[in-house]
């Protein structure tokens, strides 16, 4: 779906930018020109951007190796020492 009609930027473009490592909305604007002309798309563009960052973070966390200790073991160790 088109988000920015002035520059022809779609939600897919925004999501790809999030996946490729753009760290801020300002960086996204510099890279794409998003919301730099009339500004009518800015609120929706920022919403799509935040959703894309959240989705990307969830994917990265789900693929990361799980490194944790059960809380029960920690509690037992603290009560012994």
N, C-alpha and C. Protein backbone atom coordinates (compact mmCIF):
# COMPACT_ATOMS: atom_id res chain seq x y z
N UNK A 1 0.84 -1.16 0.00
CA UNK A 1 0.00 0.00 0.00
C UNK A 1 0.89 1.24 0.00
N UNK A 2 0.47 2.23 -0.76
CA UNK A 2 1.24 3.47 -0.79
C UNK A 2 1.03 4.24 0.51
N UNK A 3 2.13 4.69 1.09
CA UNK A 3 2.09 5.50 2.30
C UNK A 3 2.36 6.96 1.94
N UNK A 4 3.36 7.19 1.12
CA UNK A 4 3.74 8.54 0.70
C UNK A 4 3.51 8.66 -0.81
N UNK A 5 2.46 9.39 -1.17
CA UNK A 5 2.15 9.55 -2.59
C UNK A 5 3.12 10.48 -3.30
N UNK A 6 3.64 11.46 -2.58
CA UNK A 6 4.57 12.42 -3.19
C UNK A 6 5.82 11.73 -3.72
N UNK A 7 6.31 10.73 -2.99
CA UNK A 7 7.55 10.06 -3.38
C UNK A 7 7.33 8.60 -3.78
N UNK A 8 6.06 8.15 -3.80
CA UNK A 8 5.76 6.78 -4.22
C UNK A 8 6.32 5.72 -3.30
N UNK A 9 6.28 5.96 -1.98
CA UNK A 9 6.86 5.02 -1.02
C UNK A 9 5.76 4.16 -0.41
N UNK A 10 6.00 2.86 -0.41
CA UNK A 10 5.02 1.90 0.08
C UNK A 10 5.38 1.42 1.49
N UNK A 11 4.41 0.75 2.11
CA UNK A 11 4.67 0.16 3.42
C UNK A 11 5.76 -0.90 3.32
N UNK A 12 5.84 -1.57 2.19
CA UNK A 12 6.87 -2.59 1.98
C UNK A 12 8.27 -1.96 2.01
N UNK A 13 8.39 -0.78 1.40
CA UNK A 13 9.68 -0.06 1.41
C UNK A 13 10.07 0.29 2.84
N UNK A 14 9.11 0.73 3.63
CA UNK A 14 9.38 1.10 5.02
C UNK A 14 9.80 -0.12 5.82
N UNK A 15 9.11 -1.24 5.62
CA UNK A 15 9.45 -2.47 6.36
C UNK A 15 10.84 -2.98 5.97
N UNK A 16 11.18 -2.90 4.69
CA UNK A 16 12.52 -3.32 4.25
C UNK A 16 13.60 -2.44 4.87
N UNK A 17 13.32 -1.15 5.00
CA UNK A 17 14.29 -0.24 5.62
C UNK A 17 14.50 -0.61 7.08
N UNK A 18 13.45 -0.98 7.77
CA UNK A 18 13.58 -1.41 9.17
C UNK A 18 14.43 -2.67 9.28
N UNK A 19 14.20 -3.60 8.37
CA UNK A 19 14.96 -4.84 8.37
C UNK A 19 16.42 -4.63 7.99
N UNK A 20 16.68 -3.62 7.18
CA UNK A 20 18.05 -3.39 6.72
C UNK A 20 18.87 -2.57 7.71
N UNK A 21 18.23 -2.09 8.79
CA UNK A 21 19.01 -1.45 9.84
C UNK A 21 18.85 0.04 10.02
N UNK A 22 17.93 0.68 9.29
CA UNK A 22 17.68 2.10 9.55
C UNK A 22 17.24 2.22 11.00
N UNK A 23 17.90 3.11 11.76
CA UNK A 23 17.68 3.16 13.20
C UNK A 23 16.69 4.21 13.67
N UNK A 24 16.35 5.15 12.82
CA UNK A 24 15.43 6.20 13.26
C UNK A 24 14.56 6.63 12.08
N UNK A 25 13.46 7.29 12.41
CA UNK A 25 12.58 7.81 11.37
C UNK A 25 13.31 8.86 10.54
N UNK A 26 14.16 9.64 11.19
CA UNK A 26 14.94 10.66 10.47
C UNK A 26 15.87 10.01 9.44
N UNK A 27 16.50 8.89 9.81
CA UNK A 27 17.35 8.18 8.85
C UNK A 27 16.52 7.63 7.70
N UNK A 28 15.34 7.14 8.03
CA UNK A 28 14.44 6.64 7.00
C UNK A 28 14.06 7.76 6.03
N UNK A 29 13.80 8.93 6.57
CA UNK A 29 13.47 10.08 5.72
C UNK A 29 14.63 10.45 4.80
N UNK A 30 15.84 10.46 5.34
CA UNK A 30 17.01 10.78 4.52
C UNK A 30 17.21 9.76 3.41
N UNK A 31 16.99 8.51 3.73
CA UNK A 31 17.22 7.44 2.76
C UNK A 31 16.15 7.39 1.67
N UNK A 32 14.90 7.74 2.02
CA UNK A 32 13.80 7.54 1.09
C UNK A 32 13.08 8.82 0.65
N UNK A 33 13.19 9.87 1.44
CA UNK A 33 12.42 11.09 1.17
C UNK A 33 11.03 11.04 1.76
N UNK A 34 10.73 10.00 2.50
CA UNK A 34 9.42 9.81 3.10
C UNK A 34 9.02 11.00 3.97
N UNK A 35 7.81 11.48 3.79
CA UNK A 35 7.23 12.57 4.59
C UNK A 35 8.07 13.85 4.56
N UNK A 36 8.71 14.12 3.44
CA UNK A 36 9.53 15.33 3.34
C UNK A 36 8.95 16.35 2.36
N UNK A 37 7.81 16.03 1.77
CA UNK A 37 7.23 16.97 0.80
C UNK A 37 6.04 17.68 1.45
N UNK A 38 4.85 17.14 1.34
CA UNK A 38 3.67 17.82 1.90
C UNK A 38 3.45 17.47 3.36
N UNK A 39 3.95 16.32 3.81
CA UNK A 39 3.83 15.93 5.21
C UNK A 39 2.53 15.26 5.59
N UNK A 40 1.61 15.11 4.67
CA UNK A 40 0.31 14.51 4.97
C UNK A 40 0.43 13.05 5.42
N UNK A 41 1.47 12.37 5.02
CA UNK A 41 1.64 10.95 5.33
C UNK A 41 2.41 10.70 6.63
N UNK A 42 2.92 11.74 7.24
CA UNK A 42 3.87 11.57 8.34
C UNK A 42 3.34 10.70 9.48
N UNK A 43 2.15 10.98 9.98
CA UNK A 43 1.62 10.21 11.11
C UNK A 43 1.48 8.73 10.76
N UNK A 44 0.88 8.45 9.60
CA UNK A 44 0.72 7.05 9.20
C UNK A 44 2.07 6.41 8.92
N UNK A 45 2.97 7.14 8.31
CA UNK A 45 4.31 6.61 8.02
C UNK A 45 5.04 6.24 9.31
N UNK A 46 4.92 7.08 10.33
CA UNK A 46 5.57 6.77 11.61
C UNK A 46 4.94 5.55 12.26
N UNK A 47 3.63 5.39 12.11
CA UNK A 47 2.96 4.20 12.65
C UNK A 47 3.47 2.95 11.96
N UNK A 48 3.56 2.98 10.64
CA UNK A 48 4.07 1.83 9.88
C UNK A 48 5.51 1.55 10.29
N UNK A 49 6.31 2.59 10.46
CA UNK A 49 7.71 2.46 10.86
C UNK A 49 7.83 1.77 12.22
N UNK A 50 7.04 2.23 13.20
CA UNK A 50 7.09 1.63 14.54
C UNK A 50 6.65 0.17 14.51
N UNK A 51 5.61 -0.13 13.74
CA UNK A 51 5.16 -1.52 13.60
C UNK A 51 6.25 -2.38 12.97
N UNK A 52 6.92 -1.84 11.97
CA UNK A 52 7.99 -2.58 11.29
C UNK A 52 9.14 -2.86 12.24
N UNK A 53 9.50 -1.87 13.06
CA UNK A 53 10.58 -2.08 14.03
C UNK A 53 10.20 -3.14 15.04
N UNK A 54 8.96 -3.10 15.50
CA UNK A 54 8.48 -4.08 16.48
C UNK A 54 8.49 -5.48 15.87
N UNK A 55 7.97 -5.61 14.66
CA UNK A 55 7.96 -6.92 13.99
C UNK A 55 9.38 -7.45 13.81
N UNK A 56 10.29 -6.58 13.42
CA UNK A 56 11.68 -6.98 13.21
C UNK A 56 12.31 -7.43 14.52
N UNK A 57 12.03 -6.73 15.60
CA UNK A 57 12.59 -7.09 16.91
C UNK A 57 12.06 -8.45 17.36
N UNK A 58 10.78 -8.70 17.15
CA UNK A 58 10.19 -9.99 17.54
C UNK A 58 10.84 -11.12 16.75
N UNK A 59 11.05 -10.90 15.47
CA UNK A 59 11.70 -11.93 14.64
C UNK A 59 13.11 -12.21 15.13
N UNK A 60 13.86 -11.14 15.40
CA UNK A 60 15.24 -11.32 15.88
C UNK A 60 15.28 -12.04 17.22
N UNK A 61 14.39 -11.68 18.13
CA UNK A 61 14.36 -12.33 19.44
C UNK A 61 13.96 -13.80 19.32
N UNK A 62 13.04 -14.10 18.44
CA UNK A 62 12.59 -15.48 18.29
C UNK A 62 13.68 -16.36 17.66
N UNK A 63 14.61 -15.75 16.94
CA UNK A 63 15.68 -16.51 16.31
C UNK A 63 16.94 -16.59 17.18
N UNK A 64 16.99 -15.78 18.23
CA UNK A 64 18.17 -15.75 19.11
C UNK A 64 18.18 -17.00 19.98
N UNK A 65 19.36 -17.52 20.27
CA UNK A 65 19.43 -18.67 21.18
C UNK A 65 18.95 -18.27 22.57
N UNK A 66 18.22 -19.16 23.18
CA UNK A 66 17.69 -18.87 24.52
C UNK A 66 18.77 -19.13 25.57
N UNK A 67 19.09 -18.11 26.33
CA UNK A 67 20.09 -18.26 27.40
C UNK A 67 19.46 -17.74 28.69
N UNK A 68 19.00 -18.65 29.49
CA UNK A 68 18.38 -18.25 30.75
C UNK A 68 18.57 -19.35 31.76
N UNK A 69 18.40 -18.99 32.99
CA UNK A 69 18.43 -19.96 34.08
C UNK A 69 17.05 -19.99 34.72
N UNK A 70 16.58 -21.14 35.08
CA UNK A 70 15.29 -21.19 35.75
C UNK A 70 15.33 -20.38 37.05
N UNK A 71 14.27 -19.68 37.32
CA UNK A 71 14.19 -18.83 38.52
C UNK A 71 14.31 -19.68 39.77
N UNK A 72 13.77 -20.88 39.75
CA UNK A 72 13.81 -21.76 40.92
C UNK A 72 15.24 -22.04 41.35
N UNK A 73 16.13 -22.32 40.40
CA UNK A 73 17.53 -22.61 40.73
C UNK A 73 18.20 -21.39 41.35
N UNK A 74 17.94 -20.22 40.84
CA UNK A 74 18.52 -19.00 41.38
C UNK A 74 18.07 -18.77 42.82
N UNK A 75 16.78 -19.00 43.08
CA UNK A 75 16.22 -18.84 44.42
C UNK A 75 16.85 -19.83 45.39
N UNK A 76 17.07 -21.06 44.95
CA UNK A 76 17.67 -22.09 45.81
C UNK A 76 19.11 -21.71 46.12
N UNK A 77 19.87 -21.26 45.12
CA UNK A 77 21.26 -20.86 45.33
C UNK A 77 21.35 -19.68 46.31
N UNK A 78 20.45 -18.73 46.22
CA UNK A 78 20.47 -17.57 47.12
C UNK A 78 20.12 -17.97 48.55
N UNK A 79 19.26 -18.94 48.74
CA UNK A 79 18.88 -19.34 50.10
C UNK A 79 19.97 -20.18 50.77
N UNK A 80 20.81 -20.83 49.97
CA UNK A 80 21.89 -21.66 50.51
C UNK A 80 23.05 -20.77 50.96
N UNK A 81 23.39 -19.78 50.15
CA UNK A 81 24.56 -18.96 50.39
C UNK A 81 24.31 -17.89 51.35
